[in-house]
Amino acid sequence: QVQLVESGGGLVQAGGSLRLSCAASGRYFSINAMAWYRQAPGKLRELVAAVTGVGSTNYADSVKGRFTISRDNAKNTVELQMNSLKPEDTAVYYCNAVADQLRGIRVNYWGQGTQVTVSS
């Protein structure tokens, strides 16, 4: 079982920056990958950025060059540094983790979400 807690959301003007953090806790064997998703009202949840346990990353085209995902495996945390924010980045951002349980079961976990609002 994994619990994910996000923090760092808020209101920022266009062109500004925010840093989101997610901390994982609970009982599990390992976390294979962590990611940030976002969902705006009336839209589908979309992948923003993901990172594997060995550091491989991928980003949505809309955030490449502006966002950076990083992971500290020892601390079981993942961060999303968001620069040059645009109004279209406004959404609820969710932390995601894929974890292997002690019995060999792989489960997808989600945080509660943190609101990011970018004003023009």
N, C-alpha and C. Protein backbone atom coordinates (compact mmCIF):
# COMPACT_ATOMS: atom_id res chain seq x y z
N GLN A 1 0.83 -1.18 0.00
CA GLN A 1 0.00 0.00 0.00
C GLN A 1 0.88 1.24 0.00
N VAL A 2 0.54 2.20 -0.87
CA VAL A 2 1.31 3.43 -1.01
C VAL A 2 0.39 4.61 -0.84
N GLN A 3 0.83 5.57 -0.05
CA GLN A 3 0.14 6.84 0.07
C GLN A 3 1.00 7.92 -0.59
N LEU A 4 0.37 8.77 -1.39
CA LEU A 4 1.05 9.84 -2.09
C LEU A 4 0.46 11.17 -1.65
N VAL A 5 1.30 12.10 -1.26
CA VAL A 5 0.86 13.41 -0.81
C VAL A 5 1.57 14.47 -1.62
N GLU A 6 0.80 15.29 -2.33
CA GLU A 6 1.35 16.37 -3.13
C GLU A 6 1.35 17.68 -2.36
N SER A 7 2.24 18.57 -2.74
CA SER A 7 2.29 19.90 -2.17
C SER A 7 2.94 20.84 -3.18
N GLY A 8 2.76 22.13 -2.98
CA GLY A 8 3.43 23.12 -3.80
C GLY A 8 2.56 23.84 -4.80
N GLY A 9 1.31 23.45 -4.93
CA GLY A 9 0.42 24.14 -5.85
C GLY A 9 0.07 25.52 -5.35
N GLY A 10 -0.54 26.30 -6.23
CA GLY A 10 -0.93 27.65 -5.86
C GLY A 10 -1.27 28.49 -7.06
N LEU A 11 -1.35 29.79 -6.82
CA LEU A 11 -1.67 30.77 -7.85
C LEU A 11 -0.41 31.52 -8.25
N VAL A 12 -0.18 31.61 -9.55
CA VAL A 12 1.00 32.29 -10.05
C VAL A 12 0.65 33.01 -11.35
N GLN A 13 1.34 34.10 -11.62
CA GLN A 13 1.13 34.82 -12.86
C GLN A 13 1.84 34.13 -14.02
N ALA A 14 1.33 34.35 -15.21
CA ALA A 14 1.96 33.79 -16.40
C ALA A 14 3.43 34.20 -16.45
N GLY A 15 4.27 33.23 -16.79
CA GLY A 15 5.70 33.45 -16.81
C GLY A 15 6.39 33.10 -15.51
N GLY A 16 5.63 32.85 -14.48
CA GLY A 16 6.19 32.50 -13.19
C GLY A 16 6.53 31.04 -13.07
N SER A 17 6.92 30.65 -11.86
CA SER A 17 7.37 29.28 -11.60
C SER A 17 6.72 28.73 -10.35
N LEU A 18 6.57 27.42 -10.33
CA LEU A 18 6.13 26.68 -9.17
C LEU A 18 6.90 25.37 -9.12
N ARG A 19 7.04 24.83 -7.93
CA ARG A 19 7.67 23.53 -7.76
C ARG A 19 6.72 22.64 -6.97
N LEU A 20 6.30 21.55 -7.59
CA LEU A 20 5.43 20.58 -6.95
C LEU A 20 6.26 19.44 -6.37
N SER A 21 5.83 18.96 -5.22
CA SER A 21 6.51 17.85 -4.58
C SER A 21 5.50 16.77 -4.24
N CYS A 22 5.98 15.53 -4.25
CA CYS A 22 5.15 14.39 -3.91
C CYS A 22 5.97 13.43 -3.07
N ALA A 23 5.44 13.04 -1.94
CA ALA A 23 6.11 12.11 -1.05
C ALA A 23 5.32 10.81 -0.96
N ALA A 24 6.02 9.70 -1.13
CA ALA A 24 5.41 8.38 -1.06
C ALA A 24 5.72 7.73 0.28
N SER A 25 4.74 7.07 0.83
CA SER A 25 4.93 6.35 2.08
C SER A 25 4.05 5.10 2.08
N GLY A 26 4.30 4.22 3.04
CA GLY A 26 3.53 3.00 3.14
C GLY A 26 4.41 1.77 3.10
N ARG A 27 3.79 0.64 2.80
CA ARG A 27 4.51 -0.62 2.74
C ARG A 27 4.45 -1.17 1.32
N TYR A 28 5.61 -1.39 0.74
CA TYR A 28 5.72 -1.91 -0.60
C TYR A 28 7.14 -2.39 -0.82
N PHE A 29 7.33 -3.16 -1.89
CA PHE A 29 8.66 -3.63 -2.20
C PHE A 29 9.48 -2.56 -2.91
N SER A 30 8.90 -1.96 -3.92
CA SER A 30 9.60 -0.92 -4.67
C SER A 30 8.60 -0.12 -5.48
N ILE A 31 9.00 1.09 -5.84
CA ILE A 31 8.23 1.91 -6.76
C ILE A 31 8.96 1.92 -8.10
N ASN A 32 8.28 1.45 -9.12
CA ASN A 32 8.91 1.32 -10.42
C ASN A 32 9.03 2.65 -11.16
N ALA A 33 7.98 3.44 -11.11
CA ALA A 33 7.97 4.71 -11.82
C ALA A 33 7.09 5.69 -11.08
N MET A 34 7.37 6.97 -11.27
CA MET A 34 6.54 8.02 -10.72
C MET A 34 6.28 9.04 -11.81
N ALA A 35 5.16 9.72 -11.70
CA ALA A 35 4.77 10.63 -12.75
C ALA A 35 3.86 11.72 -12.20
N TRP A 36 3.73 12.77 -12.98
CA TRP A 36 2.78 13.83 -12.73
C TRP A 36 1.77 13.87 -13.87
N TYR A 37 0.51 13.86 -13.52
CA TYR A 37 -0.58 14.04 -14.45
C TYR A 37 -1.30 15.33 -14.10
N ARG A 38 -2.11 15.82 -15.02
CA ARG A 38 -2.94 16.98 -14.72
C ARG A 38 -4.28 16.85 -15.41
N GLN A 39 -5.27 17.51 -14.84
CA GLN A 39 -6.60 17.47 -15.39
C GLN A 39 -7.27 18.83 -15.18
N ALA A 40 -7.67 19.43 -16.28
CA ALA A 40 -8.41 20.68 -16.25
C ALA A 40 -9.90 20.38 -16.36
N PRO A 41 -10.75 21.29 -15.89
CA PRO A 41 -12.20 21.05 -15.97
C PRO A 41 -12.65 20.75 -17.39
N GLY A 42 -13.42 19.68 -17.55
CA GLY A 42 -13.94 19.30 -18.84
C GLY A 42 -12.96 18.63 -19.76
N LYS A 43 -11.75 18.35 -19.28
CA LYS A 43 -10.75 17.73 -20.11
C LYS A 43 -10.30 16.40 -19.51
N LEU A 44 -9.68 15.58 -20.34
CA LEU A 44 -9.16 14.31 -19.89
C LEU A 44 -7.88 14.51 -19.08
N ARG A 45 -7.64 13.59 -18.16
CA ARG A 45 -6.39 13.62 -17.44
C ARG A 45 -5.26 13.25 -18.39
N GLU A 46 -4.18 14.02 -18.36
CA GLU A 46 -3.08 13.81 -19.27
C GLU A 46 -1.77 13.68 -18.52
N LEU A 47 -0.88 12.90 -19.10
CA LEU A 47 0.46 12.75 -18.56
C LEU A 47 1.26 14.02 -18.81
N VAL A 48 1.88 14.54 -17.76
CA VAL A 48 2.73 15.72 -17.87
C VAL A 48 4.19 15.30 -17.97
N ALA A 49 4.64 14.47 -17.04
CA ALA A 49 6.02 14.02 -17.01
C ALA A 49 6.10 12.75 -16.21
N ALA A 50 7.06 11.89 -16.55
CA ALA A 50 7.25 10.64 -15.85
C ALA A 50 8.74 10.35 -15.72
N VAL A 51 9.08 9.60 -14.69
CA VAL A 51 10.46 9.21 -14.46
C VAL A 51 10.48 7.78 -13.92
N THR A 52 11.40 6.98 -14.42
CA THR A 52 11.54 5.61 -13.96
C THR A 52 12.49 5.55 -12.77
N GLY A 53 12.63 4.36 -12.21
CA GLY A 53 13.52 4.18 -11.08
C GLY A 53 14.98 4.38 -11.41
N VAL A 54 15.34 4.31 -12.69
CA VAL A 54 16.72 4.51 -13.10
C VAL A 54 16.93 5.86 -13.75
N GLY A 55 15.92 6.73 -13.70
CA GLY A 55 16.11 8.09 -14.13
C GLY A 55 15.66 8.45 -15.53
N SER A 56 15.13 7.51 -16.28
CA SER A 56 14.62 7.84 -17.61
C SER A 56 13.38 8.70 -17.49
N THR A 57 13.28 9.72 -18.32
CA THR A 57 12.17 10.66 -18.24
C THR A 57 11.48 10.82 -19.58
N ASN A 58 10.23 11.23 -19.52
CA ASN A 58 9.53 11.65 -20.71
C ASN A 58 8.55 12.75 -20.33
N TYR A 59 8.26 13.62 -21.30
CA TYR A 59 7.44 14.78 -21.06
C TYR A 59 6.39 14.93 -22.14
N ALA A 60 5.28 15.52 -21.76
CA ALA A 60 4.31 15.93 -22.76
C ALA A 60 4.93 17.02 -23.63
N ASP A 61 4.58 17.02 -24.91
CA ASP A 61 5.14 18.01 -25.82
C ASP A 61 4.85 19.44 -25.34
N SER A 62 3.72 19.65 -24.72
CA SER A 62 3.32 20.98 -24.31
C SER A 62 4.17 21.56 -23.19
N VAL A 63 4.93 20.73 -22.48
CA VAL A 63 5.72 21.21 -21.36
C VAL A 63 7.21 21.03 -21.56
N LYS A 64 7.62 20.43 -22.64
CA LYS A 64 9.04 20.22 -22.89
C LYS A 64 9.78 21.55 -22.92
N GLY A 65 10.91 21.58 -22.24
CA GLY A 65 11.69 22.79 -22.16
C GLY A 65 11.27 23.73 -21.05
N ARG A 66 10.12 23.49 -20.45
CA ARG A 66 9.63 24.35 -19.37
C ARG A 66 9.55 23.62 -18.04
N PHE A 67 9.20 22.34 -18.07
CA PHE A 67 9.04 21.55 -16.85
C PHE A 67 10.18 20.55 -16.73
N THR A 68 10.56 20.25 -15.50
CA THR A 68 11.56 19.24 -15.23
C THR A 68 11.09 18.34 -14.09
N ILE A 69 11.10 17.04 -14.33
CA ILE A 69 10.75 16.09 -13.29
C ILE A 69 12.02 15.50 -12.72
N SER A 70 12.04 15.31 -11.42
CA SER A 70 13.18 14.71 -10.77
C SER A 70 12.70 13.78 -9.66
N ARG A 71 13.52 12.80 -9.33
CA ARG A 71 13.13 11.80 -8.35
C ARG A 71 14.30 11.50 -7.44
N ASP A 72 13.98 11.37 -6.17
CA ASP A 72 14.95 10.95 -5.17
C ASP A 72 14.49 9.59 -4.66
N ASN A 73 15.11 8.53 -5.16
CA ASN A 73 14.69 7.18 -4.80
C ASN A 73 14.88 6.89 -3.31
N ALA A 74 15.93 7.44 -2.73
CA ALA A 74 16.19 7.20 -1.32
C ALA A 74 15.13 7.81 -0.43
N LYS A 75 14.62 8.98 -0.83
CA LYS A 75 13.60 9.67 -0.05
C LYS A 75 12.18 9.35 -0.49
N ASN A 76 12.05 8.62 -1.60
CA ASN A 76 10.74 8.30 -2.16
C ASN A 76 9.93 9.55 -2.45
N THR A 77 10.57 10.49 -3.10
CA THR A 77 9.91 11.72 -3.49
C THR A 77 10.11 11.98 -4.98
N VAL A 78 9.19 12.72 -5.54
CA VAL A 78 9.30 13.17 -6.92
C VAL A 78 8.87 14.63 -6.96
N GLU A 79 9.58 15.42 -7.76
CA GLU A 79 9.29 16.84 -7.86
C GLU A 79 9.02 17.21 -9.31
N LEU A 80 8.30 18.28 -9.49
CA LEU A 80 8.06 18.83 -10.81
C LEU A 80 8.34 20.32 -10.75
N GLN A 81 9.44 20.74 -11.35
CA GLN A 81 9.77 22.15 -11.45
C GLN A 81 9.11 22.71 -12.69
N MET A 82 8.26 23.70 -12.51
CA MET A 82 7.49 24.27 -13.60
C MET A 82 7.91 25.72 -13.78
N ASN A 83 8.49 26.02 -14.93
CA ASN A 83 8.92 27.36 -15.27
C ASN A 83 8.13 27.88 -16.47
N SER A 84 8.19 29.18 -16.65
CA SER A 84 7.50 29.82 -17.78
C SER A 84 6.06 29.36 -17.89
N LEU A 85 5.36 29.40 -16.78
CA LEU A 85 4.00 28.89 -16.74
C LEU A 85 3.06 29.71 -17.62
N LYS A 86 2.12 29.01 -18.21
CA LYS A 86 1.13 29.60 -19.09
C LYS A 86 -0.27 29.36 -18.52
N PRO A 87 -1.23 30.20 -18.88
CA PRO A 87 -2.60 29.97 -18.39
C PRO A 87 -3.12 28.58 -18.71
N GLU A 88 -2.74 28.02 -19.84
CA GLU A 88 -3.19 26.68 -20.20
C GLU A 88 -2.60 25.58 -19.34
N ASP A 89 -1.64 25.92 -18.48
CA ASP A 89 -1.13 24.96 -17.52
C ASP A 89 -2.05 24.81 -16.31
N THR A 90 -3.05 25.66 -16.20
CA THR A 90 -3.97 25.61 -15.07
C THR A 90 -4.69 24.27 -15.03
N ALA A 91 -4.59 23.57 -13.91
CA ALA A 91 -5.19 22.25 -13.76
C ALA A 91 -4.95 21.76 -12.34
N VAL A 92 -5.60 20.66 -12.02
CA VAL A 92 -5.24 19.92 -10.82
C VAL A 92 -4.15 18.93 -11.21
N TYR A 93 -3.06 18.97 -10.49
CA TYR A 93 -1.93 18.11 -10.78
C TYR A 93 -1.90 16.95 -9.80
N TYR A 94 -1.76 15.74 -10.34
CA TYR A 94 -1.80 14.53 -9.54
C TYR A 94 -0.48 13.78 -9.61
N CYS A 95 -0.01 13.35 -8.47
CA CYS A 95 1.15 12.48 -8.41
C CYS A 95 0.71 11.04 -8.63
N ASN A 96 1.51 10.30 -9.38
CA ASN A 96 1.21 8.92 -9.69
C ASN A 96 2.43 8.05 -9.41
N ALA A 97 2.19 6.86 -8.91
CA ALA A 97 3.28 5.91 -8.68
C ALA A 97 2.82 4.51 -9.01
N VAL A 98 3.69 3.75 -9.64
CA VAL A 98 3.47 2.34 -9.90
C VAL A 98 4.38 1.57 -8.97
N ALA A 99 3.80 0.81 -8.07
CA ALA A 99 4.56 0.14 -7.02
C ALA A 99 4.36 -1.36 -7.07
N ASP A 100 5.44 -2.08 -6.80
CA ASP A 100 5.39 -3.53 -6.63
C ASP A 100 5.24 -3.83 -5.15
N GLN A 101 4.19 -4.57 -4.81
CA GLN A 101 3.96 -4.96 -3.42
C GLN A 101 4.84 -6.13 -3.03
N LEU A 102 4.88 -6.43 -1.76
CA LEU A 102 5.73 -7.51 -1.27
C LEU A 102 5.35 -8.86 -1.85
N ARG A 103 4.09 -9.06 -2.18
CA ARG A 103 3.61 -10.32 -2.75
C ARG A 103 3.72 -10.35 -4.26
N GLY A 104 4.32 -9.36 -4.86
CA GLY A 104 4.54 -9.35 -6.29
C GLY A 104 3.43 -8.72 -7.10
N ILE A 105 2.52 -8.03 -6.47
CA ILE A 105 1.43 -7.38 -7.16
C ILE A 105 1.81 -5.94 -7.51
N ARG A 106 1.59 -5.56 -8.74
CA ARG A 106 1.89 -4.22 -9.18
C ARG A 106 0.61 -3.39 -9.18
N VAL A 107 0.65 -2.24 -8.53
CA VAL A 107 -0.52 -1.41 -8.33
C VAL A 107 -0.21 0.03 -8.69
N ASN A 108 -1.18 0.69 -9.29
CA ASN A 108 -1.09 2.09 -9.66
C ASN A 108 -1.75 2.94 -8.58
N TYR A 109 -1.00 3.91 -8.03
CA TYR A 109 -1.51 4.75 -6.95
C TYR A 109 -1.56 6.21 -7.39
N TRP A 110 -2.48 6.95 -6.76
CA TRP A 110 -2.67 8.36 -7.06
C TRP A 110 -2.70 9.19 -5.79
N GLY A 111 -2.16 10.40 -5.88
CA GLY A 111 -2.30 11.36 -4.81
C GLY A 111 -3.64 12.07 -4.88
N GLN A 112 -3.88 12.96 -3.93
CA GLN A 112 -5.16 13.65 -3.85
C GLN A 112 -5.27 14.82 -4.83
N GLY A 113 -4.16 15.27 -5.36
CA GLY A 113 -4.14 16.37 -6.30
C GLY A 113 -3.85 17.70 -5.64
N THR A 114 -3.21 18.58 -6.39
CA THR A 114 -2.93 19.93 -5.93
C THR A 114 -3.24 20.90 -7.06
N GLN A 115 -3.93 21.98 -6.73
CA GLN A 115 -4.39 22.93 -7.74
C GLN A 115 -3.27 23.88 -8.14
N VAL A 116 -3.10 24.02 -9.44
CA VAL A 116 -2.19 25.01 -10.01
C VAL A 116 -3.02 25.95 -10.88
N THR A 117 -2.97 27.23 -10.57
CA THR A 117 -3.70 28.23 -11.33
C THR A 117 -2.73 29.28 -11.84
N VAL A 118 -2.73 29.49 -13.14
CA VAL A 118 -1.85 30.47 -13.78
C VAL A 118 -2.72 31.57 -14.36
N SER A 119 -2.54 32.77 -13.87
CA SER A 119 -3.31 33.91 -14.32
C SER A 119 -2.59 34.64 -15.44
N SER A 120 -3.36 35.28 -16.31
CA SER A 120 -2.80 36.05 -17.41
C SER A 120 -2.67 37.51 -17.07
